[in-house]
Amino acid sequence: MIRLSNGHAFEYMTASGALSFDGRGWLWERPWRWVGLLDPTLFTSVTKTLTLRPTEGNLRWRNPFHCLRLIRGGVVNAVGLSNPGIDWWRGKIGPSVDSKKIPLVASILGEPEELAAMARMLSCFDLVGLEINASCPNTEDRFLQDTAGVIEGCEAVKTNSCLPLILKVSAGHDVSQIVKGVGGFVEAFSINSVPWAMIFPSHQSPLEHLGGGGVSGKVAQPFTWGLAKKLARLTAIPVIWPSMWEPDDVQKAKSFGAKAVSFGSVFLRYPSRPTLCVRKELKRN
């Protein structure tokens, strides 16, 4: 279990956007929730990433699955940073957030000055933490690849918010340098999906027309779990292990020292599996 500086403790988390902007789930996930096969209250949820201004990305609400493809053992997605912007979230979602029912972390992305502004804007809402998304595989934003910028962004958020900070990194980051600079700001690391070309360098992505996308799920575990192990060697900051896919993955991650795990693309292929995994672990314990 990971315990943050504000006292919030969690063992099971949803990846950014897995359950929409409010942690309750997307429209197509509601039937699973209504019949009890998807229980958002079991998780600390992370919002889909928010930016200071609306960002179009590749997601189209009339056809949300055109930028997603199911592959063997996972999902490739090129959703990008599609979101209506921080002001929309503050007006439509923020006032109804109740972290006693569904603990919610807000995921944010931007340049350091934008992150500082968003951190101030979000301080009045009932959130249990903030996550800086410094690792979207579907954009070539310079900031996301700039180690100094990532560190500066973490400092900017902590200077402007008292909420605990989680930093999302990827297999493409120089984490050995990042961990040296964020020790005084970051309370946990999360891990993003893996760029298609890193996993399948000899095969074209089915979403090549949208930039290739990021791969998540079991097929990404050699990269995401490898990064989790590397972070554990480099720092005492706890790591939220990603890519839970099979029920036994939770126990495997714990055997490697994981204090918390996250569920992401598995919601798309097997919406009930995360709930079943958590209930199994709670029963075991």
C-alpha atoms as a PDB file:
ATOM      1  CA  MET A   1       0.000   0.000   0.000  1.00  0.00           C
ATOM      2  CA  ILE A   2       1.182   3.525  -0.795  1.00  0.00           C
ATOM      3  CA  ARG A   3       0.382   6.230   1.728  1.00  0.00           C
ATOM      4  CA  LEU A   4       0.572   9.823   0.544  1.00  0.00           C
ATOM      5  CA  SER A   5       1.495  12.824   2.686  1.00  0.00           C
ATOM      6  CA  ASN A   6      -2.173  13.819   3.087  1.00  0.00           C
ATOM      7  CA  GLY A   7      -2.985  10.424   4.605  1.00  0.00           C
ATOM      8  CA  HIS A   8      -4.645   8.907   1.545  1.00  0.00           C
ATOM      9  CA  ALA A   9      -3.586   5.274   1.168  1.00  0.00           C
ATOM     10  CA  PHE A  10      -4.251   3.092  -1.859  1.00  0.00           C
ATOM     11  CA  GLU A  11      -3.295  -0.242  -3.337  1.00  0.00           C
ATOM     12  CA  TYR A  12      -5.354  -0.263  -6.547  1.00  0.00           C
ATOM     13  CA  MET A  13      -5.436   2.562  -9.060  1.00  0.00           C
ATOM     14  CA  THR A  14      -6.892   3.147 -12.517  1.00  0.00           C
ATOM     15  CA  ALA A  15      -4.617   4.500 -15.216  1.00  0.00           C
ATOM     16  CA  SER A  16      -5.282   8.010 -16.465  1.00  0.00           C
ATOM     17  CA  GLY A  17      -8.596   8.165 -18.308  1.00  0.00           C
ATOM     18  CA  ALA A  18      -9.538   4.506 -17.833  1.00  0.00           C
ATOM     19  CA  LEU A  19     -12.697   5.642 -16.035  1.00  0.00           C
ATOM     20  CA  SER A  20     -13.206   8.994 -17.758  1.00  0.00           C
ATOM     21  CA  PHE A  21     -12.763  12.463 -16.257  1.00  0.00           C
ATOM     22  CA  ASP A  22     -14.567  11.705 -12.993  1.00  0.00           C
ATOM     23  CA  GLY A  23     -13.581   8.150 -12.064  1.00  0.00           C
ATOM     24  CA  ARG A  24     -17.115   6.854 -12.602  1.00  0.00           C
ATOM     25  CA  GLY A  25     -16.509   5.416 -16.059  1.00  0.00           C
ATOM     26  CA  TRP A  26     -17.237   6.219 -19.682  1.00  0.00           C
ATOM     27  CA  LEU A  27     -20.711   5.966 -21.187  1.00  0.00           C
ATOM     28  CA  TRP A  28     -20.025   2.496 -22.623  1.00  0.00           C
ATOM     29  CA  GLU A  29     -18.822   1.280 -19.226  1.00  0.00           C
ATOM     30  CA  ARG A  30     -21.984   2.227 -17.349  1.00  0.00           C
ATOM     31  CA  PRO A  31     -23.864  -1.037 -18.020  1.00  0.00           C
ATOM     32  CA  TRP A  32     -21.024  -2.941 -16.343  1.00  0.00           C
ATOM     33  CA  ARG A  33     -21.249  -0.592 -13.381  1.00  0.00           C
ATOM     34  CA  TRP A  34     -25.030  -0.939 -13.125  1.00  0.00           C
ATOM     35  CA  VAL A  35     -24.846  -4.754 -12.887  1.00  0.00           C
ATOM     36  CA  GLY A  36     -21.995  -4.649 -10.376  1.00  0.00           C
ATOM     37  CA  LEU A  37     -19.253  -6.061 -12.612  1.00  0.00           C
ATOM     38  CA  LEU A  38     -17.369  -2.768 -12.574  1.00  0.00           C
ATOM     39  CA  ASP A  39     -16.990  -1.114  -9.176  1.00  0.00           C
ATOM     40  CA  PRO A  40     -15.141   2.238  -9.365  1.00  0.00           C
ATOM     41  CA  THR A  41     -15.209   2.590  -5.564  1.00  0.00           C
ATOM     42  CA  LEU A  42     -12.504  -0.097  -5.290  1.00  0.00           C
ATOM     43  CA  PHE A  43      -9.915   2.137  -6.959  1.00  0.00           C
ATOM     44  CA  THR A  44      -8.178   5.433  -6.616  1.00  0.00           C
ATOM     45  CA  SER A  45      -8.974   6.828 -10.055  1.00  0.00           C
ATOM     46  CA  VAL A  46      -6.946   9.152 -12.257  1.00  0.00           C
ATOM     47  CA  THR A  47      -8.758  11.519 -14.602  1.00  0.00           C
ATOM     48  CA  LYS A  48      -8.086  11.598 -18.289  1.00  0.00           C
ATOM     49  CA  THR A  49      -5.269  14.075 -18.733  1.00  0.00           C
ATOM     50  CA  LEU A  50      -6.284  17.728 -18.677  1.00  0.00           C
ATOM     51  CA  THR A  51      -4.519  20.624 -20.379  1.00  0.00           C
ATOM     52  CA  LEU A  52      -4.836  24.342 -19.725  1.00  0.00           C
ATOM     53  CA  ARG A  53      -6.734  24.852 -22.972  1.00  0.00           C
ATOM     54  CA  PRO A  54      -8.970  22.444 -24.917  1.00  0.00           C
ATOM     55  CA  THR A  55      -6.961  19.965 -26.977  1.00  0.00           C
ATOM     56  CA  GLU A  56      -8.441  18.164 -29.966  1.00  0.00           C
ATOM     57  CA  GLY A  57      -6.175  15.106 -30.132  1.00  0.00           C
ATOM     58  CA  ASN A  58      -7.486  12.118 -32.115  1.00  0.00           C
ATOM     59  CA  LEU A  59     -10.549  11.151 -30.077  1.00  0.00           C
ATOM     60  CA  ARG A  60     -13.878  11.730 -31.802  1.00  0.00           C
ATOM     61  CA  TRP A  61     -16.882  11.290 -29.519  1.00  0.00           C
ATOM     62  CA  ARG A  62     -19.120  10.139 -32.378  1.00  0.00           C
ATOM     63  CA  ASN A  63     -16.682   7.250 -32.946  1.00  0.00           C
ATOM     64  CA  PRO A  64     -14.454   6.896 -29.869  1.00  0.00           C
ATOM     65  CA  PHE A  65     -12.898   3.612 -30.961  1.00  0.00           C
ATOM     66  CA  HIS A  66     -11.403   4.758 -34.270  1.00  0.00           C
ATOM     67  CA  CYS A  67      -8.169   5.622 -32.451  1.00  0.00           C
ATOM     68  CA  LEU A  68      -8.013   2.313 -30.524  1.00  0.00           C
ATOM     69  CA  ARG A  69      -7.145  -1.192 -31.641  1.00  0.00           C
ATOM     70  CA  LEU A  70      -7.270  -4.394 -29.651  1.00  0.00           C
ATOM     71  CA  ILE A  71      -4.188  -6.539 -30.178  1.00  0.00           C
ATOM     72  CA  ARG A  72      -3.169  -9.873 -28.712  1.00  0.00           C
ATOM     73  CA  GLY A  73      -2.509  -9.285 -25.022  1.00  0.00           C
ATOM     74  CA  GLY A  74      -3.205  -5.584 -25.045  1.00  0.00           C
ATOM     75  CA  VAL A  75      -4.358  -2.413 -26.743  1.00  0.00           C
ATOM     76  CA  VAL A  76      -2.750   0.214 -28.946  1.00  0.00           C
ATOM     77  CA  ASN A  77      -4.223   3.680 -28.680  1.00  0.00           C
ATOM     78  CA  ALA A  78      -3.582   6.995 -30.375  1.00  0.00           C
ATOM     79  CA  VAL A  79      -6.171   8.979 -28.420  1.00  0.00           C
ATOM     80  CA  GLY A  80      -3.630  11.689 -27.772  1.00  0.00           C
ATOM     81  CA  LEU A  81      -4.465  14.441 -25.339  1.00  0.00           C
ATOM     82  CA  SER A  82      -8.097  14.941 -26.346  1.00  0.00           C
ATOM     83  CA  ASN A  83      -9.809  16.902 -23.575  1.00  0.00           C
ATOM     84  CA  PRO A  84     -12.115  19.924 -23.196  1.00  0.00           C
ATOM     85  CA  GLY A  85      -9.614  21.824 -21.044  1.00  0.00           C
ATOM     86  CA  ILE A  86      -9.213  22.618 -17.367  1.00  0.00           C
ATOM     87  CA  ASP A  87     -12.004  25.222 -17.240  1.00  0.00           C
ATOM     88  CA  TRP A  88     -14.537  22.663 -18.505  1.00  0.00           C
ATOM     89  CA  TRP A  89     -13.454  20.200 -15.810  1.00  0.00           C
ATOM     90  CA  ARG A  90     -13.653  22.858 -13.110  1.00  0.00           C
ATOM     91  CA  GLY A  91     -17.192  23.779 -14.127  1.00  0.00           C
ATOM     92  CA  LYS A  92     -18.699  20.399 -15.029  1.00  0.00           C
ATOM     93  CA  ILE A  93     -16.823  17.775 -12.993  1.00  0.00           C
ATOM     94  CA  GLY A  94     -14.933  19.341 -10.122  1.00  0.00           C
ATOM     95  CA  PRO A  95     -17.898  20.495  -8.002  1.00  0.00           C
ATOM     96  CA  SER A  96     -19.318  16.945  -7.807  1.00  0.00           C
ATOM     97  CA  VAL A  97     -16.064  15.164  -6.954  1.00  0.00           C
ATOM     98  CA  ASP A  98     -16.359  13.268  -3.679  1.00  0.00           C
ATOM     99  CA  SER A  99     -13.130  11.486  -2.847  1.00  0.00           C
ATOM    100  CA  LYS A 100     -14.743   9.741   0.105  1.00  0.00           C
ATOM    101  CA  LYS A 101     -16.708   7.705  -2.448  1.00  0.00           C
ATOM    102  CA  ILE A 102     -14.256   7.582  -5.362  1.00  0.00           C
ATOM    103  CA  PRO A 103     -10.803   8.958  -4.509  1.00  0.00           C
ATOM    104  CA  LEU A 104      -9.717  11.013  -7.497  1.00  0.00           C
ATOM    105  CA  VAL A 105      -6.341  12.185  -8.779  1.00  0.00           C
ATOM    106  CA  ALA A 106      -6.284  14.850 -11.496  1.00  0.00           C
ATOM    107  CA  SER A 107      -3.850  14.214 -14.345  1.00  0.00           C
ATOM    108  CA  ILE A 108      -2.393  17.364 -15.900  1.00  0.00           C
ATOM    109  CA  LEU A 109       0.054  18.145 -18.695  1.00  0.00           C
ATOM    110  CA  GLY A 110       1.763  21.282 -19.921  1.00  0.00           C
ATOM    111  CA  GLU A 111       4.780  23.501 -19.734  1.00  0.00           C
ATOM    112  CA  PRO A 112       5.917  24.343 -16.175  1.00  0.00           C
ATOM    113  CA  GLU A 113       4.034  27.662 -16.085  1.00  0.00           C
ATOM    114  CA  GLU A 114       0.868  25.940 -17.327  1.00  0.00           C
ATOM    115  CA  LEU A 115       1.226  23.202 -14.734  1.00  0.00           C
ATOM    116  CA  ALA A 116       1.615  25.842 -12.024  1.00  0.00           C
ATOM    117  CA  ALA A 117      -1.582  27.562 -13.144  1.00  0.00           C
ATOM    118  CA  MET A 118      -3.550  24.295 -13.243  1.00  0.00           C
ATOM    119  CA  ALA A 119      -2.231  23.262  -9.833  1.00  0.00           C
ATOM    120  CA  ARG A 120      -3.591  26.490  -8.358  1.00  0.00           C
ATOM    121  CA  MET A 121      -6.942  26.026 -10.121  1.00  0.00           C
ATOM    122  CA  LEU A 122      -7.381  22.497  -8.789  1.00  0.00           C
ATOM    123  CA  SER A 123      -6.440  23.206  -5.180  1.00  0.00           C
ATOM    124  CA  CYS A 124     -10.020  23.936  -4.109  1.00  0.00           C
ATOM    125  CA  PHE A 125     -11.468  20.586  -5.235  1.00  0.00           C
ATOM    126  CA  ASP A 126     -11.831  17.355  -3.277  1.00  0.00           C
ATOM    127  CA  LEU A 127      -8.888  15.586  -4.899  1.00  0.00           C
ATOM    128  CA  VAL A 128      -6.452  13.208  -3.213  1.00  0.00           C
ATOM    129  CA  GLY A 129      -3.564  14.140  -5.489  1.00  0.00           C
ATOM    130  CA  LEU A 130      -2.252  15.444  -8.796  1.00  0.00           C
ATOM    131  CA  GLU A 131      -0.458  13.481 -11.503  1.00  0.00           C
ATOM    132  CA  ILE A 132       1.857  15.136 -14.006  1.00  0.00           C
ATOM    133  CA  ASN A 133       1.613  13.285 -17.291  1.00  0.00           C
ATOM    134  CA  ALA A 134       5.110  13.716 -18.645  1.00  0.00           C
ATOM    135  CA  SER A 135       4.965  10.788 -21.032  1.00  0.00           C
ATOM    136  CA  CYS A 136       2.160  10.762 -23.605  1.00  0.00           C
ATOM    137  CA  PRO A 137       3.342   8.436 -26.431  1.00  0.00           C
ATOM    138  CA  ASN A 138       0.976  10.066 -28.927  1.00  0.00           C
ATOM    139  CA  THR A 139       2.555  13.499 -29.073  1.00  0.00           C
ATOM    140  CA  GLU A 140       5.992  14.900 -29.858  1.00  0.00           C
ATOM    141  CA  ASP A 141       5.691  17.714 -27.327  1.00  0.00           C
ATOM    142  CA  ARG A 142       9.220  18.881 -26.525  1.00  0.00           C
ATOM    143  CA  PHE A 143       8.451  19.248 -22.836  1.00  0.00           C
ATOM    144  CA  LEU A 144       7.700  15.549 -22.450  1.00  0.00           C
ATOM    145  CA  GLN A 145      11.209  14.575 -23.556  1.00  0.00           C
ATOM    146  CA  ASP A 146      13.036  17.324 -21.681  1.00  0.00           C
ATOM    147  CA  THR A 147      14.378  16.005 -18.381  1.00  0.00           C
ATOM    148  CA  ALA A 148      15.035  19.489 -17.029  1.00  0.00           C
ATOM    149  CA  GLY A 149      11.524  20.536 -18.035  1.00  0.00           C
ATOM    150  CA  VAL A 150       9.959  17.553 -16.258  1.00  0.00           C
ATOM    151  CA  ILE A 151      11.832  18.401 -13.067  1.00  0.00           C
ATOM    152  CA  GLU A 152      10.904  22.086 -13.381  1.00  0.00           C
ATOM    153  CA  GLY A 153       7.268  21.110 -13.882  1.00  0.00           C
ATOM    154  CA  CYS A 154       7.248  19.039 -10.693  1.00  0.00           C
ATOM    155  CA  GLU A 155       8.725  21.940  -8.751  1.00  0.00           C
ATOM    156  CA  ALA A 156       6.148  24.331 -10.241  1.00  0.00           C
ATOM    157  CA  VAL A 157       3.247  22.113  -9.168  1.00  0.00           C
ATOM    158  CA  LYS A 158       4.514  21.605  -5.626  1.00  0.00           C
ATOM    159  CA  THR A 159       5.113  25.337  -5.242  1.00  0.00           C
ATOM    160  CA  ASN A 160       1.487  26.031  -6.169  1.00  0.00           C
ATOM    161  CA  SER A 161      -0.384  23.146  -4.531  1.00  0.00           C
ATOM    162  CA  CYS A 162      -0.393  21.240  -1.268  1.00  0.00           C
ATOM    163  CA  LEU A 163      -1.766  18.101  -2.958  1.00  0.00           C
ATOM    164  CA  PRO A 164       0.516  15.040  -3.170  1.00  0.00           C
ATOM    165  CA  LEU A 165       2.204  14.729  -6.552  1.00  0.00           C
ATOM    166  CA  ILE A 166       2.543  11.614  -8.715  1.00  0.00           C
ATOM    167  CA  LEU A 167       4.801  11.713 -11.781  1.00  0.00           C
ATOM    168  CA  LYS A 168       3.969   9.567 -14.819  1.00  0.00           C
ATOM    169  CA  VAL A 169       7.037   8.545 -16.793  1.00  0.00           C
ATOM    170  CA  SER A 170       7.635   6.171 -19.694  1.00  0.00           C
ATOM    171  CA  ALA A 171      10.192   3.715 -20.999  1.00  0.00           C
ATOM    172  CA  GLY A 172      11.463   6.492 -23.247  1.00  0.00           C
ATOM    173  CA  HIS A 173      12.536   8.740 -20.366  1.00  0.00           C
ATOM    174  CA  ASP A 174      15.974   9.093 -18.811  1.00  0.00           C
ATOM    175  CA  VAL A 175      14.597   8.191 -15.390  1.00  0.00           C
ATOM    176  CA  SER A 176      18.046   7.980 -13.822  1.00  0.00           C
ATOM    177  CA  GLN A 177      18.312  11.757 -14.207  1.00  0.00           C
ATOM    178  CA  ILE A 178      14.671  12.473 -13.397  1.00  0.00           C
ATOM    179  CA  VAL A 179      14.731  10.710 -10.012  1.00  0.00           C
ATOM    180  CA  LYS A 180      17.701  12.803  -8.946  1.00  0.00           C
ATOM    181  CA  GLY A 181      15.762  16.004  -9.475  1.00  0.00           C
ATOM    182  CA  VAL A 182      12.273  15.226  -8.188  1.00  0.00           C
ATOM    183  CA  GLY A 183      12.976  13.621  -4.820  1.00  0.00           C
ATOM    184  CA  GLY A 184      11.684  16.599  -2.873  1.00  0.00           C
ATOM    185  CA  PHE A 185       8.504  16.962  -4.928  1.00  0.00           C
ATOM    186  CA  VAL A 186       7.186  13.567  -6.063  1.00  0.00           C
ATOM    187  CA  GLU A 187       5.528  11.011  -3.764  1.00  0.00           C
ATOM    188  CA  ALA A 188       4.993   8.197  -6.281  1.00  0.00           C
ATOM    189  CA  PHE A 189       5.765   7.248  -9.869  1.00  0.00           C
ATOM    190  CA  SER A 190       3.254   5.903 -12.370  1.00  0.00           C
ATOM    191  CA  ILE A 191       4.128   4.481 -15.784  1.00  0.00           C
ATOM    192  CA  ASN A 192       2.566   5.175 -19.161  1.00  0.00           C
ATOM    193  CA  SER A 193       2.055   3.011 -22.245  1.00  0.00           C
ATOM    194  CA  VAL A 194       4.955   2.244 -24.575  1.00  0.00           C
ATOM    195  CA  PRO A 195       5.398   3.752 -28.060  1.00  0.00           C
ATOM    196  CA  TRP A 196       4.471   1.210 -30.739  1.00  0.00           C
ATOM    197  CA  ALA A 197       7.867   1.404 -32.452  1.00  0.00           C
ATOM    198  CA  MET A 198       9.649   0.486 -29.222  1.00  0.00           C
ATOM    199  CA  ILE A 199       7.758  -2.814 -28.910  1.00  0.00           C
ATOM    200  CA  PHE A 200       7.217  -3.622 -32.597  1.00  0.00           C
ATOM    201  CA  PRO A 201      10.105  -1.958 -34.477  1.00  0.00           C
ATOM    202  CA  SER A 202       9.623  -4.161 -37.556  1.00  0.00           C
ATOM    203  CA  HIS A 203       5.839  -3.886 -37.878  1.00  0.00           C
ATOM    204  CA  GLN A 204       3.663  -0.959 -38.839  1.00  0.00           C
ATOM    205  CA  SER A 205       1.074   0.121 -36.310  1.00  0.00           C
ATOM    206  CA  PRO A 206      -2.594  -0.244 -37.282  1.00  0.00           C
ATOM    207  CA  LEU A 207      -2.829   3.379 -36.166  1.00  0.00           C
ATOM    208  CA  GLU A 208       0.142   4.575 -38.210  1.00  0.00           C
ATOM    209  CA  HIS A 209      -2.064   7.230 -39.803  1.00  0.00           C
ATOM    210  CA  LEU A 210      -2.533   8.693 -36.322  1.00  0.00           C
ATOM    211  CA  GLY A 211       1.115   8.574 -35.342  1.00  0.00           C
ATOM    212  CA  GLY A 212       1.471   4.948 -34.270  1.00  0.00           C
ATOM    213  CA  GLY A 213       0.106   5.175 -30.757  1.00  0.00           C
ATOM    214  CA  GLY A 214       1.101   3.646 -27.445  1.00  0.00           C
ATOM    215  CA  VAL A 215       0.850  -0.023 -26.471  1.00  0.00           C
ATOM    216  CA  SER A 216      -0.471  -1.128 -23.101  1.00  0.00           C
ATOM    217  CA  GLY A 217      -1.519  -4.371 -21.475  1.00  0.00           C
ATOM    218  CA  LYS A 218       0.307  -7.651 -20.995  1.00  0.00           C
ATOM    219  CA  VAL A 219       2.290  -7.285 -24.205  1.00  0.00           C
ATOM    220  CA  ALA A 220       3.844  -4.110 -22.752  1.00  0.00           C
ATOM    221  CA  GLN A 221       4.881  -5.704 -19.448  1.00  0.00           C
ATOM    222  CA  PRO A 222       8.506  -6.431 -20.429  1.00  0.00           C
ATOM    223  CA  PHE A 223       8.946  -2.678 -20.891  1.00  0.00           C
ATOM    224  CA  THR A 224       6.670  -1.245 -18.199  1.00  0.00           C
ATOM    225  CA  TRP A 225       7.618  -3.768 -15.526  1.00  0.00           C
ATOM    226  CA  GLY A 226      11.253  -3.414 -16.522  1.00  0.00           C
ATOM    227  CA  LEU A 227      10.950   0.327 -15.933  1.00  0.00           C
ATOM    228  CA  ALA A 228       9.227  -0.269 -12.576  1.00  0.00           C
ATOM    229  CA  LYS A 229      12.116  -2.489 -11.463  1.00  0.00           C
ATOM    230  CA  LYS A 230      14.645   0.110 -12.613  1.00  0.00           C
ATOM    231  CA  LEU A 231      12.876   2.869 -10.690  1.00  0.00           C
ATOM    232  CA  ALA A 232      12.807   0.684  -7.584  1.00  0.00           C
ATOM    233  CA  ARG A 233      16.580   0.298  -7.839  1.00  0.00           C
ATOM    234  CA  LEU A 234      17.139   4.013  -8.337  1.00  0.00           C
ATOM    235  CA  THR A 235      14.893   5.528  -5.674  1.00  0.00           C
ATOM    236  CA  ALA A 236      12.891   4.902  -2.528  1.00  0.00           C
ATOM    237  CA  ILE A 237       9.928   6.774  -4.036  1.00  0.00           C
ATOM    238  CA  PRO A 238       7.215   4.104  -4.454  1.00  0.00           C
ATOM    239  CA  VAL A 239       6.227   2.941  -7.929  1.00  0.00           C
ATOM    240  CA  ILE A 240       2.674   2.138  -9.030  1.00  0.00           C
ATOM    241  CA  TRP A 241       3.073  -0.971 -11.172  1.00  0.00           C
ATOM    242  CA  PRO A 242       1.100  -0.787 -14.447  1.00  0.00           C
ATOM    243  CA  SER A 243      -0.169  -3.233 -17.067  1.00  0.00           C
ATOM    244  CA  MET A 244      -2.278  -5.489 -14.871  1.00  0.00           C
ATOM    245  CA  TRP A 245      -3.972  -7.880 -17.282  1.00  0.00           C
ATOM    246  CA  GLU A 246      -4.461 -11.321 -15.756  1.00  0.00           C
ATOM    247  CA  PRO A 247      -5.686 -11.971 -12.188  1.00  0.00           C
ATOM    248  CA  ASP A 248      -2.277 -13.388 -11.234  1.00  0.00           C
ATOM    249  CA  ASP A 249      -0.475 -10.242 -12.404  1.00  0.00           C
ATOM    250  CA  VAL A 250      -1.278  -8.477  -9.137  1.00  0.00           C
ATOM    251  CA  GLN A 251       0.452 -11.157  -7.090  1.00  0.00           C
ATOM    252  CA  LYS A 252       3.387 -11.242  -9.501  1.00  0.00           C
ATOM    253  CA  ALA A 253       3.834  -7.494  -9.183  1.00  0.00           C
ATOM    254  CA  LYS A 254       3.664  -7.725  -5.408  1.00  0.00           C
ATOM    255  CA  SER A 255       6.330 -10.441  -5.461  1.00  0.00           C
ATOM    256  CA  PHE A 256       8.615  -7.906  -7.165  1.00  0.00           C
ATOM    257  CA  GLY A 257       7.941  -5.390  -4.402  1.00  0.00           C
ATOM    258  CA  ALA A 258       4.987  -3.440  -5.789  1.00  0.00           C
ATOM    259  CA  LYS A 259       3.069  -1.533  -3.120  1.00  0.00           C
ATOM    260  CA  ALA A 260       0.298  -0.488  -5.532  1.00  0.00           C
ATOM    261  CA  VAL A 261      -0.826  -1.484  -9.022  1.00  0.00           C
ATOM    262  CA  SER A 262      -2.832   0.188 -11.764  1.00  0.00           C
ATOM    263  CA  PHE A 263      -5.366  -1.041 -14.308  1.00  0.00           C
ATOM    264  CA  GLY A 264      -5.663   0.647 -17.687  1.00  0.00           C
ATOM    265  CA  SER A 265      -6.462  -0.793 -21.089  1.00  0.00           C
ATOM    266  CA  VAL A 266      -7.751  -4.022 -19.549  1.00  0.00           C
ATOM    267  CA  PHE A 267     -10.994  -2.082 -18.927  1.00  0.00           C
ATOM    268  CA  LEU A 268     -11.482  -1.932 -22.708  1.00  0.00           C
ATOM    269  CA  ARG A 269     -11.168  -5.619 -23.393  1.00  0.00           C
ATOM    270  CA  TYR A 270     -12.334  -7.100 -20.092  1.00  0.00           C
ATOM    271  CA  PRO A 271     -14.242  -4.371 -18.197  1.00  0.00           C
ATOM    272  CA  SER A 272     -15.048  -6.646 -15.254  1.00  0.00           C
ATOM    273  CA  ARG A 273     -11.561  -8.066 -14.789  1.00  0.00           C
ATOM    274  CA  PRO A 274     -10.085  -5.220 -12.686  1.00  0.00           C
ATOM    275  CA  THR A 275     -12.968  -5.483 -10.213  1.00  0.00           C
ATOM    276  CA  LEU A 276     -12.585  -9.267 -10.085  1.00  0.00           C
ATOM    277  CA  CYS A 277      -8.837  -8.951  -9.542  1.00  0.00           C
ATOM    278  CA  VAL A 278      -9.261  -6.535  -6.644  1.00  0.00           C
ATOM    279  CA  ARG A 279     -12.022  -8.558  -5.005  1.00  0.00           C
ATOM    280  CA  LYS A 280      -9.847 -11.653  -5.292  1.00  0.00           C
ATOM    281  CA  GLU A 281      -6.947  -9.853  -3.621  1.00  0.00           C
ATOM    282  CA  LEU A 282      -9.147  -8.440  -0.871  1.00  0.00           C
ATOM    283  CA  LYS A 283     -10.508 -11.897  -0.179  1.00  0.00           C
ATOM    284  CA  ARG A 284      -6.982 -13.323  -0.162  1.00  0.00           C
ATOM    285  CA  ASN A 285      -5.876 -10.731   2.373  1.00  0.00           C
END
